[in-house]
Amino acid sequence: MSSHLTADERGIILPCPACGTANRIVYAKIAQQGRCGSCKTGLPHISAPVEIESPASFSALVSGSTLPVVIDFWAPWCGPCQMMAPEFAKAAAMAAGTAVFAKVNTDEHQDIARQFRVQGIPAFALVKSGRLAAQTSGFQPAERLLAWARQG
């Protein structure tokens, strides 16, 4: 599985670990484990960060996810963001099945960053049931990020 997943307006695209076929996990069923549409192998829980590619996919994720969504606001030029990336991926793997971790590039999606009033990066937001539950910023080891998300 790649280090990042993608999403569209209908769900997260998850490759099958057995055959590689892309499977869409709809947001309303994101907490469930599905089966590959091609080979019928059981699919794992979402365990890698989801790279946000459009405002529409972001909106669909945060409004439709049945799991909490932890959002990493970052930029490619940001040194602390680059240091945070492996910790964010580690936290996503540790939280598989209990939360979804999404990455928003603030250079590409300034409108989303403005919506969350992001003023410095890396910054994090926790969205539960479509509503902002908590925000924090700065480098966070995976364990601390998970503890923050569970408290939020």
N, C-alpha and C. Protein backbone atom coordinates (compact mmCIF):
# COMPACT_ATOMS: atom_id res chain seq x y z
N MET A 1 0.85 -1.18 0.00
CA MET A 1 0.00 0.00 0.00
C MET A 1 0.89 1.24 0.00
N SER A 2 0.51 2.26 -0.74
CA SER A 2 1.31 3.47 -0.79
C SER A 2 1.26 4.18 0.56
N SER A 3 2.14 5.18 0.71
CA SER A 3 2.19 5.90 1.97
C SER A 3 1.00 6.84 2.16
N HIS A 4 0.31 7.17 1.07
CA HIS A 4 -0.88 8.01 1.12
C HIS A 4 -1.99 7.41 0.27
N LEU A 5 -3.20 7.66 0.69
CA LEU A 5 -4.37 7.24 -0.08
C LEU A 5 -4.99 8.47 -0.70
N THR A 6 -5.89 8.27 -1.64
CA THR A 6 -6.63 9.38 -2.23
C THR A 6 -8.11 9.21 -1.94
N ALA A 7 -8.85 10.28 -2.21
CA ALA A 7 -10.29 10.27 -1.97
C ALA A 7 -10.97 11.09 -3.05
N ASP A 8 -12.25 10.84 -3.22
CA ASP A 8 -13.07 11.67 -4.09
C ASP A 8 -14.33 12.04 -3.33
N GLU A 9 -15.33 12.55 -4.02
CA GLU A 9 -16.54 13.00 -3.33
C GLU A 9 -17.36 11.85 -2.74
N ARG A 10 -17.06 10.61 -3.18
CA ARG A 10 -17.86 9.46 -2.70
C ARG A 10 -17.16 8.60 -1.68
N GLY A 11 -15.83 8.65 -1.59
CA GLY A 11 -15.15 7.81 -0.61
C GLY A 11 -13.64 7.81 -0.78
N ILE A 12 -13.00 6.98 0.03
CA ILE A 12 -11.55 6.82 0.01
C ILE A 12 -11.21 5.66 -0.91
N ILE A 13 -10.19 5.85 -1.72
CA ILE A 13 -9.76 4.82 -2.66
C ILE A 13 -8.67 3.99 -1.98
N LEU A 14 -8.97 2.71 -1.79
CA LEU A 14 -8.09 1.80 -1.08
C LEU A 14 -7.70 0.65 -1.99
N PRO A 15 -6.38 0.48 -2.25
CA PRO A 15 -5.98 -0.65 -3.10
C PRO A 15 -6.08 -1.96 -2.33
N CYS A 16 -6.49 -3.01 -3.02
CA CYS A 16 -6.57 -4.34 -2.43
C CYS A 16 -5.15 -4.84 -2.17
N PRO A 17 -4.87 -5.35 -0.96
CA PRO A 17 -3.53 -5.85 -0.68
C PRO A 17 -3.19 -7.12 -1.46
N ALA A 18 -4.21 -7.83 -1.95
CA ALA A 18 -3.98 -9.09 -2.66
C ALA A 18 -3.80 -8.88 -4.17
N CYS A 19 -4.68 -8.07 -4.78
CA CYS A 19 -4.63 -7.96 -6.25
C CYS A 19 -4.33 -6.55 -6.75
N GLY A 20 -4.34 -5.56 -5.84
CA GLY A 20 -4.03 -4.20 -6.24
C GLY A 20 -5.18 -3.40 -6.82
N THR A 21 -6.34 -4.00 -6.96
CA THR A 21 -7.50 -3.30 -7.51
C THR A 21 -7.90 -2.14 -6.59
N ALA A 22 -8.19 -0.99 -7.17
CA ALA A 22 -8.65 0.16 -6.40
C ALA A 22 -10.11 -0.05 -5.99
N ASN A 23 -10.37 0.07 -4.71
CA ASN A 23 -11.72 -0.08 -4.16
C ASN A 23 -12.10 1.22 -3.47
N ARG A 24 -13.33 1.68 -3.68
CA ARG A 24 -13.82 2.88 -3.01
C ARG A 24 -14.55 2.46 -1.74
N ILE A 25 -14.09 3.02 -0.63
CA ILE A 25 -14.76 2.81 0.65
C ILE A 25 -15.60 4.08 0.89
N VAL A 26 -16.91 3.95 0.80
CA VAL A 26 -17.77 5.13 0.96
C VAL A 26 -17.68 5.64 2.39
N TYR A 27 -17.80 6.95 2.53
CA TYR A 27 -17.61 7.58 3.84
C TYR A 27 -18.57 7.04 4.90
N ALA A 28 -19.79 6.75 4.52
CA ALA A 28 -20.78 6.26 5.48
C ALA A 28 -20.43 4.87 6.02
N LYS A 29 -19.54 4.15 5.34
CA LYS A 29 -19.15 2.80 5.78
C LYS A 29 -17.66 2.70 6.08
N ILE A 30 -17.06 3.82 6.39
CA ILE A 30 -15.62 3.87 6.56
C ILE A 30 -15.12 3.07 7.78
N ALA A 31 -15.97 2.85 8.76
CA ALA A 31 -15.56 2.10 9.95
C ALA A 31 -15.64 0.59 9.72
N GLN A 32 -16.27 0.17 8.64
CA GLN A 32 -16.43 -1.25 8.37
C GLN A 32 -15.31 -1.76 7.47
N GLN A 33 -15.06 -3.04 7.54
CA GLN A 33 -14.09 -3.65 6.64
C GLN A 33 -14.85 -4.28 5.49
N GLY A 34 -14.50 -3.89 4.29
CA GLY A 34 -15.17 -4.41 3.11
C GLY A 34 -14.39 -5.52 2.45
N ARG A 35 -14.84 -5.89 1.28
CA ARG A 35 -14.16 -6.90 0.46
C ARG A 35 -13.83 -6.29 -0.88
N CYS A 36 -12.74 -6.76 -1.46
CA CYS A 36 -12.32 -6.29 -2.77
C CYS A 36 -13.39 -6.64 -3.79
N GLY A 37 -13.75 -5.69 -4.62
CA GLY A 37 -14.75 -5.92 -5.66
C GLY A 37 -14.28 -6.89 -6.72
N SER A 38 -12.98 -7.09 -6.83
CA SER A 38 -12.43 -7.96 -7.86
C SER A 38 -12.15 -9.38 -7.34
N CYS A 39 -11.30 -9.48 -6.31
CA CYS A 39 -10.88 -10.82 -5.85
C CYS A 39 -11.58 -11.29 -4.57
N LYS A 40 -12.39 -10.41 -3.97
CA LYS A 40 -13.18 -10.71 -2.77
C LYS A 40 -12.35 -10.86 -1.49
N THR A 41 -11.07 -10.50 -1.53
CA THR A 41 -10.24 -10.52 -0.33
C THR A 41 -10.72 -9.44 0.63
N GLY A 42 -10.66 -9.72 1.93
CA GLY A 42 -11.02 -8.71 2.92
C GLY A 42 -10.08 -7.52 2.84
N LEU A 43 -10.64 -6.32 2.90
CA LEU A 43 -9.83 -5.10 2.86
C LEU A 43 -9.49 -4.66 4.28
N PRO A 44 -8.30 -4.12 4.47
CA PRO A 44 -7.93 -3.62 5.80
C PRO A 44 -8.64 -2.31 6.11
N HIS A 45 -8.63 -1.93 7.39
CA HIS A 45 -9.11 -0.59 7.74
C HIS A 45 -8.18 0.44 7.13
N ILE A 46 -8.67 1.65 6.98
CA ILE A 46 -7.85 2.76 6.47
C ILE A 46 -6.72 2.99 7.49
N SER A 47 -5.48 2.81 7.05
CA SER A 47 -4.35 2.91 7.98
C SER A 47 -3.24 3.82 7.47
N ALA A 48 -3.53 4.61 6.45
CA ALA A 48 -2.56 5.56 5.91
C ALA A 48 -3.26 6.90 5.74
N PRO A 49 -2.50 7.98 5.78
CA PRO A 49 -3.12 9.29 5.57
C PRO A 49 -3.78 9.40 4.19
N VAL A 50 -4.88 10.14 4.15
CA VAL A 50 -5.60 10.39 2.91
C VAL A 50 -5.20 11.77 2.41
N GLU A 51 -4.65 11.83 1.21
CA GLU A 51 -4.23 13.10 0.62
C GLU A 51 -5.45 13.79 0.01
N ILE A 52 -5.77 14.98 0.50
CA ILE A 52 -6.92 15.72 0.00
C ILE A 52 -6.54 16.40 -1.31
N GLU A 53 -7.30 16.10 -2.36
CA GLU A 53 -6.99 16.63 -3.68
C GLU A 53 -7.96 17.70 -4.16
N SER A 54 -9.10 17.86 -3.46
CA SER A 54 -10.05 18.89 -3.87
C SER A 54 -10.91 19.31 -2.68
N PRO A 55 -11.40 20.55 -2.71
CA PRO A 55 -12.32 20.98 -1.65
C PRO A 55 -13.56 20.11 -1.57
N ALA A 56 -14.04 19.61 -2.70
CA ALA A 56 -15.24 18.77 -2.69
C ALA A 56 -14.98 17.45 -1.97
N SER A 57 -13.83 16.83 -2.22
CA SER A 57 -13.53 15.56 -1.53
C SER A 57 -13.32 15.80 -0.04
N PHE A 58 -12.71 16.94 0.31
CA PHE A 58 -12.52 17.28 1.73
C PHE A 58 -13.86 17.44 2.42
N SER A 59 -14.74 18.21 1.81
CA SER A 59 -16.06 18.45 2.38
C SER A 59 -16.83 17.14 2.56
N ALA A 60 -16.76 16.28 1.55
CA ALA A 60 -17.45 14.99 1.63
C ALA A 60 -16.89 14.13 2.75
N LEU A 61 -15.56 14.15 2.90
CA LEU A 61 -14.93 13.35 3.95
C LEU A 61 -15.37 13.82 5.33
N VAL A 62 -15.21 15.11 5.62
CA VAL A 62 -15.51 15.59 6.97
C VAL A 62 -16.99 15.55 7.29
N SER A 63 -17.85 15.70 6.29
CA SER A 63 -19.29 15.67 6.57
C SER A 63 -19.85 14.25 6.56
N GLY A 64 -19.22 13.33 5.82
CA GLY A 64 -19.78 12.00 5.68
C GLY A 64 -19.11 10.89 6.48
N SER A 65 -17.93 11.16 7.02
CA SER A 65 -17.22 10.11 7.74
C SER A 65 -17.92 9.73 9.03
N THR A 66 -18.04 8.44 9.25
CA THR A 66 -18.61 7.95 10.50
C THR A 66 -17.54 7.86 11.59
N LEU A 67 -16.28 8.07 11.22
CA LEU A 67 -15.16 8.09 12.16
C LEU A 67 -14.67 9.52 12.32
N PRO A 68 -14.03 9.83 13.46
CA PRO A 68 -13.40 11.14 13.59
C PRO A 68 -12.34 11.33 12.51
N VAL A 69 -12.14 12.57 12.07
CA VAL A 69 -11.15 12.88 11.06
C VAL A 69 -10.10 13.81 11.68
N VAL A 70 -8.85 13.38 11.64
CA VAL A 70 -7.72 14.19 12.11
C VAL A 70 -7.07 14.78 10.86
N ILE A 71 -7.00 16.10 10.80
CA ILE A 71 -6.50 16.79 9.62
C ILE A 71 -5.14 17.40 9.91
N ASP A 72 -4.18 17.14 9.03
CA ASP A 72 -2.85 17.73 9.09
C ASP A 72 -2.77 18.81 8.03
N PHE A 73 -2.62 20.07 8.46
CA PHE A 73 -2.41 21.18 7.54
C PHE A 73 -0.91 21.36 7.40
N TRP A 74 -0.41 21.25 6.18
CA TRP A 74 1.03 21.23 5.94
C TRP A 74 1.36 21.90 4.60
N ALA A 75 2.65 22.07 4.32
CA ALA A 75 3.12 22.57 3.03
C ALA A 75 4.46 21.90 2.72
N PRO A 76 4.76 21.69 1.45
CA PRO A 76 5.99 21.00 1.06
C PRO A 76 7.27 21.71 1.49
N TRP A 77 7.25 23.03 1.60
CA TRP A 77 8.45 23.81 1.95
C TRP A 77 8.69 23.88 3.45
N CYS A 78 7.76 23.40 4.25
CA CYS A 78 7.80 23.53 5.71
C CYS A 78 8.63 22.39 6.34
N GLY A 79 9.78 22.74 6.91
CA GLY A 79 10.64 21.74 7.54
C GLY A 79 9.95 20.96 8.66
N PRO A 80 9.32 21.65 9.63
CA PRO A 80 8.61 20.91 10.69
C PRO A 80 7.50 20.01 10.14
N CYS A 81 6.85 20.44 9.04
CA CYS A 81 5.81 19.61 8.41
C CYS A 81 6.42 18.32 7.87
N GLN A 82 7.61 18.45 7.26
CA GLN A 82 8.29 17.27 6.73
C GLN A 82 8.69 16.32 7.86
N MET A 83 9.12 16.88 8.99
CA MET A 83 9.47 16.05 10.15
C MET A 83 8.22 15.39 10.73
N MET A 84 7.09 16.06 10.62
CA MET A 84 5.83 15.56 11.18
C MET A 84 5.23 14.44 10.33
N ALA A 85 5.50 14.42 9.04
CA ALA A 85 4.87 13.47 8.12
C ALA A 85 4.98 12.01 8.57
N PRO A 86 6.17 11.51 8.95
CA PRO A 86 6.22 10.11 9.38
C PRO A 86 5.47 9.85 10.68
N GLU A 87 5.42 10.84 11.56
CA GLU A 87 4.67 10.69 12.81
C GLU A 87 3.17 10.65 12.53
N PHE A 88 2.74 11.48 11.60
CA PHE A 88 1.32 11.50 11.22
C PHE A 88 0.94 10.15 10.60
N ALA A 89 1.80 9.62 9.74
CA ALA A 89 1.54 8.30 9.12
C ALA A 89 1.52 7.21 10.18
N LYS A 90 2.41 7.30 11.14
CA LYS A 90 2.46 6.32 12.24
C LYS A 90 1.16 6.38 13.06
N ALA A 91 0.71 7.60 13.35
CA ALA A 91 -0.54 7.77 14.10
C ALA A 91 -1.72 7.22 13.30
N ALA A 92 -1.73 7.43 11.99
CA ALA A 92 -2.81 6.90 11.14
C ALA A 92 -2.84 5.38 11.21
N ALA A 93 -1.67 4.75 11.17
CA ALA A 93 -1.60 3.29 11.25
C ALA A 93 -2.07 2.79 12.62
N MET A 94 -1.68 3.49 13.67
CA MET A 94 -2.07 3.10 15.03
C MET A 94 -3.57 3.27 15.26
N ALA A 95 -4.19 4.20 14.57
CA ALA A 95 -5.62 4.49 14.76
C ALA A 95 -6.51 3.81 13.73
N ALA A 96 -5.96 2.90 12.94
CA ALA A 96 -6.75 2.24 11.89
C ALA A 96 -8.05 1.68 12.46
N GLY A 97 -9.15 2.04 11.81
CA GLY A 97 -10.46 1.55 12.24
C GLY A 97 -11.14 2.42 13.27
N THR A 98 -10.41 3.39 13.85
CA THR A 98 -11.00 4.26 14.87
C THR A 98 -11.01 5.73 14.48
N ALA A 99 -10.18 6.11 13.49
CA ALA A 99 -10.12 7.49 13.02
C ALA A 99 -9.54 7.49 11.61
N VAL A 100 -9.81 8.55 10.88
CA VAL A 100 -9.25 8.75 9.54
C VAL A 100 -8.31 9.95 9.63
N PHE A 101 -7.14 9.83 9.03
CA PHE A 101 -6.15 10.89 9.04
C PHE A 101 -6.04 11.46 7.63
N ALA A 102 -6.20 12.77 7.51
CA ALA A 102 -6.20 13.43 6.21
C ALA A 102 -5.14 14.53 6.18
N LYS A 103 -4.52 14.72 5.01
CA LYS A 103 -3.50 15.74 4.83
C LYS A 103 -4.01 16.80 3.86
N VAL A 104 -3.92 18.06 4.27
CA VAL A 104 -4.34 19.18 3.43
C VAL A 104 -3.12 20.06 3.18
N ASN A 105 -2.70 20.14 1.92
CA ASN A 105 -1.59 21.00 1.52
C ASN A 105 -2.12 22.43 1.49
N THR A 106 -1.61 23.26 2.39
CA THR A 106 -2.13 24.62 2.51
C THR A 106 -1.76 25.52 1.33
N ASP A 107 -0.72 25.15 0.58
CA ASP A 107 -0.40 25.91 -0.63
C ASP A 107 -1.45 25.67 -1.71
N GLU A 108 -1.92 24.44 -1.81
CA GLU A 108 -2.90 24.07 -2.84
C GLU A 108 -4.34 24.35 -2.42
N HIS A 109 -4.60 24.33 -1.12
CA HIS A 109 -5.98 24.47 -0.63
C HIS A 109 -6.06 25.55 0.46
N GLN A 110 -5.72 26.76 0.06
CA GLN A 110 -5.75 27.87 1.00
C GLN A 110 -7.15 28.12 1.55
N ASP A 111 -8.17 27.83 0.74
CA ASP A 111 -9.55 28.04 1.17
C ASP A 111 -9.91 27.13 2.35
N ILE A 112 -9.41 25.90 2.33
CA ILE A 112 -9.68 24.98 3.44
C ILE A 112 -8.94 25.45 4.69
N ALA A 113 -7.69 25.87 4.51
CA ALA A 113 -6.91 26.37 5.65
C ALA A 113 -7.58 27.60 6.27
N ARG A 114 -8.09 28.49 5.42
CA ARG A 114 -8.80 29.68 5.93
C ARG A 114 -10.06 29.28 6.70
N GLN A 115 -10.77 28.28 6.20
CA GLN A 115 -11.99 27.81 6.86
C GLN A 115 -11.69 27.38 8.30
N PHE A 116 -10.49 26.83 8.53
CA PHE A 116 -10.10 26.36 9.86
C PHE A 116 -9.22 27.38 10.59
N ARG A 117 -9.07 28.57 10.01
CA ARG A 117 -8.29 29.66 10.59
C ARG A 117 -6.86 29.24 10.93
N VAL A 118 -6.26 28.48 10.02
CA VAL A 118 -4.88 28.04 10.20
C VAL A 118 -3.96 29.23 9.98
N GLN A 119 -3.11 29.53 10.97
CA GLN A 119 -2.20 30.66 10.86
C GLN A 119 -0.74 30.22 10.82
N GLY A 120 -0.46 29.01 11.25
CA GLY A 120 0.89 28.47 11.22
C GLY A 120 0.81 26.97 11.00
N ILE A 121 1.86 26.41 10.42
CA ILE A 121 1.87 24.97 10.16
C ILE A 121 3.14 24.36 10.72
N PRO A 122 3.12 23.07 11.08
CA PRO A 122 1.98 22.18 10.95
C PRO A 122 0.89 22.51 11.97
N ALA A 123 -0.33 22.32 11.54
CA ALA A 123 -1.50 22.54 12.39
C ALA A 123 -2.43 21.35 12.21
N PHE A 124 -3.22 21.07 13.23
CA PHE A 124 -4.09 19.90 13.21
C PHE A 124 -5.49 20.28 13.67
N ALA A 125 -6.47 19.64 13.05
CA ALA A 125 -7.86 19.83 13.44
C ALA A 125 -8.49 18.46 13.60
N LEU A 126 -9.40 18.35 14.53
CA LEU A 126 -10.17 17.13 14.76
C LEU A 126 -11.63 17.44 14.45
N VAL A 127 -12.20 16.68 13.52
CA VAL A 127 -13.60 16.85 13.14
C VAL A 127 -14.34 15.58 13.50
N LYS A 128 -15.41 15.74 14.27
CA LYS A 128 -16.26 14.61 14.66
C LYS A 128 -17.68 14.93 14.22
N SER A 129 -18.31 13.98 13.55
CA SER A 129 -19.69 14.15 13.08
C SER A 129 -19.87 15.45 12.31
N GLY A 130 -18.87 15.80 11.50
CA GLY A 130 -18.97 16.99 10.67
C GLY A 130 -18.68 18.30 11.36
N ARG A 131 -18.32 18.26 12.65
CA ARG A 131 -18.09 19.50 13.41
C ARG A 131 -16.67 19.53 13.96
N LEU A 132 -16.10 20.73 13.97
CA LEU A 132 -14.78 20.92 14.54
C LEU A 132 -14.84 20.65 16.04
N ALA A 133 -14.01 19.71 16.51
CA ALA A 133 -14.01 19.36 17.92
C ALA A 133 -12.80 19.92 18.66
N ALA A 134 -11.65 20.06 17.94
CA ALA A 134 -10.44 20.57 18.59
C ALA A 134 -9.43 20.97 17.53
N GLN A 135 -8.50 21.83 17.94
CA GLN A 135 -7.40 22.22 17.07
C GLN A 135 -6.14 22.36 17.91
N THR A 136 -4.99 22.08 17.29
CA THR A 136 -3.69 22.26 17.92
C THR A 136 -2.68 22.51 16.82
N SER A 137 -1.45 22.84 17.21
CA SER A 137 -0.42 23.08 16.20
C SER A 137 0.94 22.68 16.74
N GLY A 138 1.91 22.62 15.83
CA GLY A 138 3.27 22.27 16.19
C GLY A 138 3.54 20.78 16.07
N PHE A 139 4.82 20.45 16.04
CA PHE A 139 5.23 19.05 15.93
C PHE A 139 4.67 18.24 17.08
N GLN A 140 4.14 17.05 16.76
CA GLN A 140 3.57 16.15 17.77
C GLN A 140 4.04 14.73 17.48
N PRO A 141 4.68 14.06 18.43
CA PRO A 141 4.94 12.63 18.21
C PRO A 141 3.60 11.90 18.04
N ALA A 142 3.61 10.79 17.35
CA ALA A 142 2.39 10.04 17.03
C ALA A 142 1.55 9.78 18.28
N GLU A 143 2.18 9.34 19.36
CA GLU A 143 1.43 9.00 20.58
C GLU A 143 0.73 10.23 21.16
N ARG A 144 1.40 11.38 21.14
CA ARG A 144 0.80 12.60 21.68
C ARG A 144 -0.35 13.06 20.79
N LEU A 145 -0.18 12.95 19.47
CA LEU A 145 -1.25 13.32 18.54
C LEU A 145 -2.49 12.44 18.76
N LEU A 146 -2.26 11.15 18.95
CA LEU A 146 -3.38 10.23 19.21
C LEU A 146 -4.07 10.56 20.54
N ALA A 147 -3.29 10.85 21.57
CA ALA A 147 -3.87 11.19 22.87
C ALA A 147 -4.72 12.46 22.74
N TRP A 148 -4.21 13.46 22.01
CA TRP A 148 -4.96 14.69 21.77
C TRP A 148 -6.27 14.39 21.05
N ALA A 149 -6.22 13.56 20.02
CA ALA A 149 -7.41 13.24 19.23
C ALA A 149 -8.45 12.49 20.08
N ARG A 150 -7.99 11.64 20.96
CA ARG A 150 -8.94 10.88 21.81
C ARG A 150 -9.61 11.78 22.83
N GLN A 151 -8.92 12.82 23.29
CA GLN A 151 -9.50 13.74 24.26
C GLN A 151 -10.49 14.70 23.63
N GLY A 152 -10.29 15.00 22.34
CA GLY A 152 -11.09 16.01 21.63
C GLY A 152 -12.47 15.65 21.39
